[in-house]
PDB file of all heavy atoms in Angstrom:
ATOM      1  N   ARG A   1       5.260   5.052 -16.746  1.00  0.00           N
ATOM      2  CA  ARG A   1       4.157   4.194 -16.300  1.00  0.00           C
ATOM      3  C   ARG A   1       4.061   4.216 -14.777  1.00  0.00           C
ATOM      4  O   ARG A   1       5.062   4.315 -14.072  1.00  0.00           O
ATOM      5  CB  ARG A   1       4.411   2.763 -16.774  1.00  0.00           C
ATOM      6  CG  ARG A   1       3.213   1.827 -16.632  1.00  0.00           C
ATOM      7  CD  ARG A   1       3.644   0.373 -16.787  1.00  0.00           C
ATOM      8  NE  ARG A   1       4.162  -0.131 -15.530  1.00  0.00           N
ATOM      9  CZ  ARG A   1       5.240  -0.894 -15.411  1.00  0.00           C
ATOM     10  NH1 ARG A   1       5.945  -1.210 -16.467  1.00  0.00           N
ATOM     11  NH2 ARG A   1       5.636  -1.317 -14.225  1.00  0.00           N
ATOM     12  N   GLY A   2       2.861   4.124 -14.268  1.00  0.00           N
ATOM     13  CA  GLY A   2       2.673   4.039 -12.831  1.00  0.00           C
ATOM     14  C   GLY A   2       3.113   2.687 -12.289  1.00  0.00           C
ATOM     15  O   GLY A   2       3.312   1.733 -13.035  1.00  0.00           O
ATOM     16  N   TYR A   3       3.267   2.624 -10.982  1.00  0.00           N
ATOM     17  CA  TYR A   3       3.612   1.348 -10.348  1.00  0.00           C
ATOM     18  C   TYR A   3       2.480   0.336 -10.537  1.00  0.00           C
ATOM     19  O   TYR A   3       1.295   0.700 -10.583  1.00  0.00           O
ATOM     20  CB  TYR A   3       3.830   1.541  -8.857  1.00  0.00           C
ATOM     21  CG  TYR A   3       5.226   1.982  -8.470  1.00  0.00           C
ATOM     22  CD1 TYR A   3       5.635   3.312  -8.665  1.00  0.00           C
ATOM     23  CD2 TYR A   3       6.129   1.098  -7.890  1.00  0.00           C
ATOM     24  CE1 TYR A   3       6.899   3.720  -8.298  1.00  0.00           C
ATOM     25  CE2 TYR A   3       7.403   1.501  -7.536  1.00  0.00           C
ATOM     26  CZ  TYR A   3       7.778   2.803  -7.739  1.00  0.00           C
ATOM     27  OH  TYR A   3       9.043   3.213  -7.395  1.00  0.00           O
ATOM     28  N   VAL A   4       2.866  -0.934 -10.655  1.00  0.00           N
ATOM     29  CA  VAL A   4       1.931  -2.048 -10.581  1.00  0.00           C
ATOM     30  C   VAL A   4       2.294  -2.814  -9.310  1.00  0.00           C
ATOM     31  O   VAL A   4       3.452  -3.209  -9.125  1.00  0.00           O
ATOM     32  CB  VAL A   4       2.030  -2.956 -11.816  1.00  0.00           C
ATOM     33  CG1 VAL A   4       1.087  -4.142 -11.688  1.00  0.00           C
ATOM     34  CG2 VAL A   4       1.722  -2.158 -13.074  1.00  0.00           C
ATOM     35  N   ILE A   5       1.305  -3.030  -8.429  1.00  0.00           N
ATOM     36  CA  ILE A   5       1.597  -3.516  -7.086  1.00  0.00           C
ATOM     37  C   ILE A   5       0.730  -4.727  -6.750  1.00  0.00           C
ATOM     38  O   ILE A   5      -0.360  -4.584  -6.162  1.00  0.00           O
ATOM     39  CB  ILE A   5       1.386  -2.398  -6.040  1.00  0.00           C
ATOM     40  CG1 ILE A   5       2.127  -1.128  -6.454  1.00  0.00           C
ATOM     41  CG2 ILE A   5       1.828  -2.867  -4.654  1.00  0.00           C
ATOM     42  CD1 ILE A   5       1.648   0.119  -5.752  1.00  0.00           C
ATOM     43  N   PRO A   6       1.156  -5.940  -7.113  1.00  0.00           N
ATOM     44  CA  PRO A   6       0.419  -7.124  -6.687  1.00  0.00           C
ATOM     45  C   PRO A   6       0.747  -7.458  -5.232  1.00  0.00           C
ATOM     46  O   PRO A   6       1.915  -7.439  -4.835  1.00  0.00           O
ATOM     47  CB  PRO A   6       0.918  -8.211  -7.643  1.00  0.00           C
ATOM     48  CG  PRO A   6       2.269  -7.772  -8.057  1.00  0.00           C
ATOM     49  CD  PRO A   6       2.273  -6.262  -8.016  1.00  0.00           C
ATOM     50  N   ILE A   7      -0.287  -7.760  -4.451  1.00  0.00           N
ATOM     51  CA  ILE A   7      -0.159  -8.052  -3.013  1.00  0.00           C
ATOM     52  C   ILE A   7      -0.664  -9.481  -2.782  1.00  0.00           C
ATOM     53  O   ILE A   7      -1.704  -9.874  -3.320  1.00  0.00           O
ATOM     54  CB  ILE A   7      -0.976  -7.063  -2.179  1.00  0.00           C
ATOM     55  CG1 ILE A   7      -0.610  -5.617  -2.518  1.00  0.00           C
ATOM     56  CG2 ILE A   7      -0.807  -7.328  -0.676  1.00  0.00           C
ATOM     57  CD1 ILE A   7      -1.601  -4.583  -1.985  1.00  0.00           C
ATOM     58  N   GLY A   8       0.029 -10.227  -1.950  1.00  0.00           N
ATOM     59  CA  GLY A   8      -0.279 -11.649  -1.775  1.00  0.00           C
ATOM     60  C   GLY A   8      -1.536 -11.948  -1.005  1.00  0.00           C
ATOM     61  O   GLY A   8      -1.860 -13.126  -0.768  1.00  0.00           O
ATOM     62  N   GLY A   9      -2.293 -10.965  -0.594  1.00  0.00           N
ATOM     63  CA  GLY A   9      -3.511 -11.168   0.176  1.00  0.00           C
ATOM     64  C   GLY A   9      -3.258 -11.030   1.666  1.00  0.00           C
ATOM     65  O   GLY A   9      -2.114 -11.048   2.134  1.00  0.00           O
ATOM     66  N   ALA A  10      -4.340 -10.899   2.435  1.00  0.00           N
ATOM     67  CA  ALA A  10      -4.268 -10.811   3.901  1.00  0.00           C
ATOM     68  C   ALA A  10      -3.254  -9.763   4.353  1.00  0.00           C
ATOM     69  O   ALA A  10      -2.549  -9.953   5.348  1.00  0.00           O
ATOM     70  CB  ALA A  10      -3.933 -12.177   4.503  1.00  0.00           C
ATOM     71  N   GLU A  11      -3.184  -8.643   3.630  1.00  0.00           N
ATOM     72  CA  GLU A  11      -2.241  -7.580   4.007  1.00  0.00           C
ATOM     73  C   GLU A  11      -2.683  -6.960   5.330  1.00  0.00           C
ATOM     74  O   GLU A  11      -3.893  -6.821   5.604  1.00  0.00           O
ATOM     75  CB  GLU A  11      -2.160  -6.525   2.909  1.00  0.00           C
ATOM     76  CG  GLU A  11      -3.392  -5.652   2.713  1.00  0.00           C
ATOM     77  CD  GLU A  11      -4.507  -6.339   1.946  1.00  0.00           C
ATOM     78  OE1 GLU A  11      -4.322  -7.482   1.496  1.00  0.00           O
ATOM     79  OE2 GLU A  11      -5.588  -5.714   1.820  1.00  0.00           O
ATOM     80  N   GLU A  12      -1.709  -6.600   6.145  1.00  0.00           N
ATOM     81  CA  GLU A  12      -1.988  -5.994   7.446  1.00  0.00           C
ATOM     82  C   GLU A  12      -2.708  -4.671   7.238  1.00  0.00           C
ATOM     83  O   GLU A  12      -2.276  -3.832   6.447  1.00  0.00           O
ATOM     84  CB  GLU A  12      -0.701  -5.793   8.228  1.00  0.00           C
ATOM     85  CG  GLU A  12      -0.894  -5.165   9.595  1.00  0.00           C
ATOM     86  CD  GLU A  12      -1.828  -5.955  10.488  1.00  0.00           C
ATOM     87  OE1 GLU A  12      -1.582  -7.177  10.675  1.00  0.00           O
ATOM     88  OE2 GLU A  12      -2.808  -5.356  10.990  1.00  0.00           O
ATOM     89  N   LYS A  13      -3.814  -4.481   7.957  1.00  0.00           N
ATOM     90  CA  LYS A  13      -4.639  -3.286   7.772  1.00  0.00           C
ATOM     91  C   LYS A  13      -4.680  -2.395   9.009  1.00  0.00           C
ATOM     92  O   LYS A  13      -5.134  -1.251   8.919  1.00  0.00           O
ATOM     93  CB  LYS A  13      -6.071  -3.691   7.386  1.00  0.00           C
ATOM     94  CG  LYS A  13      -6.152  -4.533   6.123  1.00  0.00           C
ATOM     95  CD  LYS A  13      -7.573  -5.013   5.872  1.00  0.00           C
ATOM     96  CE  LYS A  13      -7.680  -5.837   4.609  1.00  0.00           C
ATOM     97  NZ  LYS A  13      -6.913  -7.110   4.690  1.00  0.00           N
ATOM     98  N   ILE A  14      -4.232  -2.920  10.168  1.00  0.00           N
ATOM     99  CA  ILE A  14      -4.399  -2.166  11.427  1.00  0.00           C
ATOM    100  C   ILE A  14      -3.069  -1.908  12.123  1.00  0.00           C
ATOM    101  O   ILE A  14      -2.657  -0.761  12.304  1.00  0.00           O
ATOM    102  CB  ILE A  14      -5.367  -2.908  12.375  1.00  0.00           C
ATOM    103  CG1 ILE A  14      -6.739  -3.059  11.719  1.00  0.00           C
ATOM    104  CG2 ILE A  14      -5.495  -2.152  13.697  1.00  0.00           C
ATOM    105  CD1 ILE A  14      -7.706  -3.906  12.497  1.00  0.00           C
ATOM    106  N   ASN A  15      -2.380  -2.968  12.538  1.00  0.00           N
ATOM    107  CA  ASN A  15      -1.212  -2.809  13.409  1.00  0.00           C
ATOM    108  C   ASN A  15      -0.007  -2.198  12.704  1.00  0.00           C
ATOM    109  O   ASN A  15       0.627  -1.291  13.221  1.00  0.00           O
ATOM    110  CB  ASN A  15      -0.834  -4.163  14.027  1.00  0.00           C
ATOM    111  CG  ASN A  15      -1.908  -4.679  14.962  1.00  0.00           C
ATOM    112  OD1 ASN A  15      -2.551  -3.905  15.656  1.00  0.00           O
ATOM    113  ND2 ASN A  15      -2.124  -5.988  14.975  1.00  0.00           N
ATOM    114  N   ASN A  16       0.315  -2.715  11.529  1.00  0.00           N
ATOM    115  CA  ASN A  16       1.452  -2.166  10.769  1.00  0.00           C
ATOM    116  C   ASN A  16       1.124  -2.288   9.283  1.00  0.00           C
ATOM    117  O   ASN A  16       1.697  -3.125   8.579  1.00  0.00           O
ATOM    118  CB  ASN A  16       2.737  -2.919  11.102  1.00  0.00           C
ATOM    119  CG  ASN A  16       3.950  -2.347  10.377  1.00  0.00           C
ATOM    120  OD1 ASN A  16       3.973  -1.168  10.016  1.00  0.00           O
ATOM    121  ND2 ASN A  16       4.946  -3.188  10.122  1.00  0.00           N
ATOM    122  N   PRO A  17       0.223  -1.435   8.799  1.00  0.00           N
ATOM    123  CA  PRO A  17      -0.229  -1.532   7.397  1.00  0.00           C
ATOM    124  C   PRO A  17       0.797  -0.971   6.419  1.00  0.00           C
ATOM    125  O   PRO A  17       0.537  -0.027   5.660  1.00  0.00           O
ATOM    126  CB  PRO A  17      -1.510  -0.717   7.395  1.00  0.00           C
ATOM    127  CG  PRO A  17      -1.290   0.323   8.454  1.00  0.00           C
ATOM    128  CD  PRO A  17      -0.452  -0.351   9.525  1.00  0.00           C
ATOM    129  N   GLU A  18       1.999  -1.546   6.434  1.00  0.00           N
ATOM    130  CA  GLU A  18       3.132  -1.014   5.671  1.00  0.00           C
ATOM    131  C   GLU A  18       2.835  -0.933   4.172  1.00  0.00           C
ATOM    132  O   GLU A  18       3.141   0.060   3.513  1.00  0.00           O
ATOM    133  CB  GLU A  18       4.361  -1.887   5.913  1.00  0.00           C
ATOM    134  CG  GLU A  18       5.616  -1.414   5.193  1.00  0.00           C
ATOM    135  CD  GLU A  18       6.792  -2.336   5.423  1.00  0.00           C
ATOM    136  OE1 GLU A  18       6.588  -3.439   5.968  1.00  0.00           O
ATOM    137  OE2 GLU A  18       7.913  -1.960   5.064  1.00  0.00           O
ATOM    138  N   ILE A  19       2.216  -1.977   3.640  1.00  0.00           N
ATOM    139  CA  ILE A  19       1.975  -2.023   2.192  1.00  0.00           C
ATOM    140  C   ILE A  19       0.946  -0.981   1.779  1.00  0.00           C
ATOM    141  O   ILE A  19       1.161  -0.202   0.836  1.00  0.00           O
ATOM    142  CB  ILE A  19       1.510  -3.433   1.775  1.00  0.00           C
ATOM    143  CG1 ILE A  19       2.633  -4.457   2.014  1.00  0.00           C
ATOM    144  CG2 ILE A  19       1.059  -3.457   0.323  1.00  0.00           C
ATOM    145  CD1 ILE A  19       2.180  -5.900   1.894  1.00  0.00           C
ATOM    146  N   LEU A  20      -0.179  -0.950   2.489  1.00  0.00           N
ATOM    147  CA  LEU A  20      -1.238  -0.004   2.138  1.00  0.00           C
ATOM    148  C   LEU A  20      -0.792   1.427   2.366  1.00  0.00           C
ATOM    149  O   LEU A  20      -1.154   2.340   1.606  1.00  0.00           O
ATOM    150  CB  LEU A  20      -2.499  -0.313   2.946  1.00  0.00           C
ATOM    151  CG  LEU A  20      -3.110  -1.715   2.722  1.00  0.00           C
ATOM    152  CD1 LEU A  20      -4.371  -1.880   3.556  1.00  0.00           C
ATOM    153  CD2 LEU A  20      -3.413  -1.953   1.243  1.00  0.00           C
ATOM    154  N   LYS A  21       0.012   1.648   3.409  1.00  0.00           N
ATOM    155  CA  LYS A  21       0.522   3.000   3.678  1.00  0.00           C
ATOM    156  C   LYS A  21       1.440   3.447   2.553  1.00  0.00           C
ATOM    157  O   LYS A  21       1.356   4.608   2.103  1.00  0.00           O
ATOM    158  CB  LYS A  21       1.265   3.009   5.015  1.00  0.00           C
ATOM    159  CG  LYS A  21       1.765   4.381   5.421  1.00  0.00           C
ATOM    160  CD  LYS A  21       2.457   4.332   6.784  1.00  0.00           C
ATOM    161  CE  LYS A  21       2.957   5.719   7.187  1.00  0.00           C
ATOM    162  NZ  LYS A  21       3.655   5.674   8.509  1.00  0.00           N
ATOM    163  N   LYS A  22       2.302   2.570   2.080  1.00  0.00           N
ATOM    164  CA  LYS A  22       3.218   2.933   0.990  1.00  0.00           C
ATOM    165  C   LYS A  22       2.432   3.227  -0.288  1.00  0.00           C
ATOM    166  O   LYS A  22       2.780   4.137  -1.051  1.00  0.00           O
ATOM    167  CB  LYS A  22       4.237   1.817   0.757  1.00  0.00           C
ATOM    168  CG  LYS A  22       5.284   2.143  -0.304  1.00  0.00           C
ATOM    169  CD  LYS A  22       6.353   1.073  -0.384  1.00  0.00           C
ATOM    170  CE  LYS A  22       7.362   1.372  -1.507  1.00  0.00           C
ATOM    171  NZ  LYS A  22       8.094   2.625  -1.265  1.00  0.00           N
ATOM    172  N   PHE A  23       1.367   2.462  -0.532  1.00  0.00           N
ATOM    173  CA  PHE A  23       0.522   2.713  -1.704  1.00  0.00           C
ATOM    174  C   PHE A  23      -0.109   4.096  -1.624  1.00  0.00           C
ATOM    175  O   PHE A  23      -0.116   4.851  -2.609  1.00  0.00           O
ATOM    176  CB  PHE A  23      -0.543   1.634  -1.817  1.00  0.00           C
ATOM    177  CG  PHE A  23      -1.604   1.913  -2.849  1.00  0.00           C
ATOM    178  CD1 PHE A  23      -1.284   1.999  -4.195  1.00  0.00           C
ATOM    179  CD2 PHE A  23      -2.937   2.083  -2.458  1.00  0.00           C
ATOM    180  CE1 PHE A  23      -2.261   2.269  -5.151  1.00  0.00           C
ATOM    181  CE2 PHE A  23      -3.916   2.341  -3.415  1.00  0.00           C
ATOM    182  CZ  PHE A  23      -3.578   2.434  -4.758  1.00  0.00           C
ATOM    183  N   VAL A  24      -0.626   4.454  -0.461  1.00  0.00           N
ATOM    184  CA  VAL A  24      -1.233   5.778  -0.278  1.00  0.00           C
ATOM    185  C   VAL A  24      -0.192   6.876  -0.505  1.00  0.00           C
ATOM    186  O   VAL A  24      -0.465   7.890  -1.174  1.00  0.00           O
ATOM    187  CB  VAL A  24      -1.866   5.909   1.128  1.00  0.00           C
ATOM    188  CG1 VAL A  24      -2.270   7.354   1.405  1.00  0.00           C
ATOM    189  CG2 VAL A  24      -3.079   5.000   1.245  1.00  0.00           C
ATOM    190  N   GLU A  25       1.007   6.695   0.014  1.00  0.00           N
ATOM    191  CA  GLU A  25       2.065   7.690  -0.172  1.00  0.00           C
ATOM    192  C   GLU A  25       2.431   7.850  -1.642  1.00  0.00           C
ATOM    193  O   GLU A  25       2.602   8.972  -2.138  1.00  0.00           O
ATOM    194  CB  GLU A  25       3.295   7.289   0.644  1.00  0.00           C
ATOM    195  CG  GLU A  25       3.084   7.397   2.150  1.00  0.00           C
ATOM    196  CD  GLU A  25       4.231   6.791   2.945  1.00  0.00           C
ATOM    197  OE1 GLU A  25       5.115   6.146   2.326  1.00  0.00           O
ATOM    198  OE2 GLU A  25       4.254   6.967   4.172  1.00  0.00           O
ATOM    199  N   LEU A  26       2.542   6.716  -2.363  1.00  0.00           N
ATOM    200  CA  LEU A  26       2.833   6.800  -3.789  1.00  0.00           C
ATOM    201  C   LEU A  26       1.740   7.538  -4.551  1.00  0.00           C
ATOM    202  O   LEU A  26       2.007   8.295  -5.488  1.00  0.00           O
ATOM    203  CB  LEU A  26       2.964   5.387  -4.378  1.00  0.00           C
ATOM    204  CG  LEU A  26       4.320   4.686  -4.308  1.00  0.00           C
ATOM    205  CD1 LEU A  26       4.184   3.283  -4.855  1.00  0.00           C
ATOM    206  CD2 LEU A  26       5.364   5.461  -5.092  1.00  0.00           C
ATOM    207  N   ALA A  27       0.499   7.305  -4.123  1.00  0.00           N
ATOM    208  CA  ALA A  27      -0.642   7.916  -4.808  1.00  0.00           C
ATOM    209  C   ALA A  27      -0.791   9.394  -4.499  1.00  0.00           C
ATOM    210  O   ALA A  27      -1.617  10.072  -5.122  1.00  0.00           O
ATOM    211  CB  ALA A  27      -1.934   7.173  -4.437  1.00  0.00           C
ATOM    212  N   GLY A  28       0.006   9.913  -3.541  1.00  0.00           N
ATOM    213  CA  GLY A  28      -0.022  11.340  -3.279  1.00  0.00           C
ATOM    214  C   GLY A  28      -0.374  11.745  -1.873  1.00  0.00           C
ATOM    215  O   GLY A  28      -0.436  12.939  -1.569  1.00  0.00           O
ATOM    216  N   GLY A  29      -0.625  10.775  -0.985  1.00  0.00           N
ATOM    217  CA  GLY A  29      -0.918  11.121   0.402  1.00  0.00           C
ATOM    218  C   GLY A  29      -2.163  11.987   0.522  1.00  0.00           C
ATOM    219  O   GLY A  29      -3.248  11.624   0.071  1.00  0.00           O
ATOM    220  N   ALA A  30      -1.995  13.160   1.097  1.00  0.00           N
ATOM    221  CA  ALA A  30      -3.126  14.071   1.278  1.00  0.00           C
ATOM    222  C   ALA A  30      -3.708  14.545  -0.044  1.00  0.00           C
ATOM    223  O   ALA A  30      -4.862  14.991  -0.106  1.00  0.00           O
ATOM    224  CB  ALA A  30      -2.689  15.263   2.116  1.00  0.00           C
TER     225      ALA A  30
END
């Protein structure tokens, strides 16, 4: 099964988007 990733809201999108970056990497990056 793929990851299920609930996020608490107001995730950082600019300065240090750690959560969204990790999601993109899991999804395959490029």
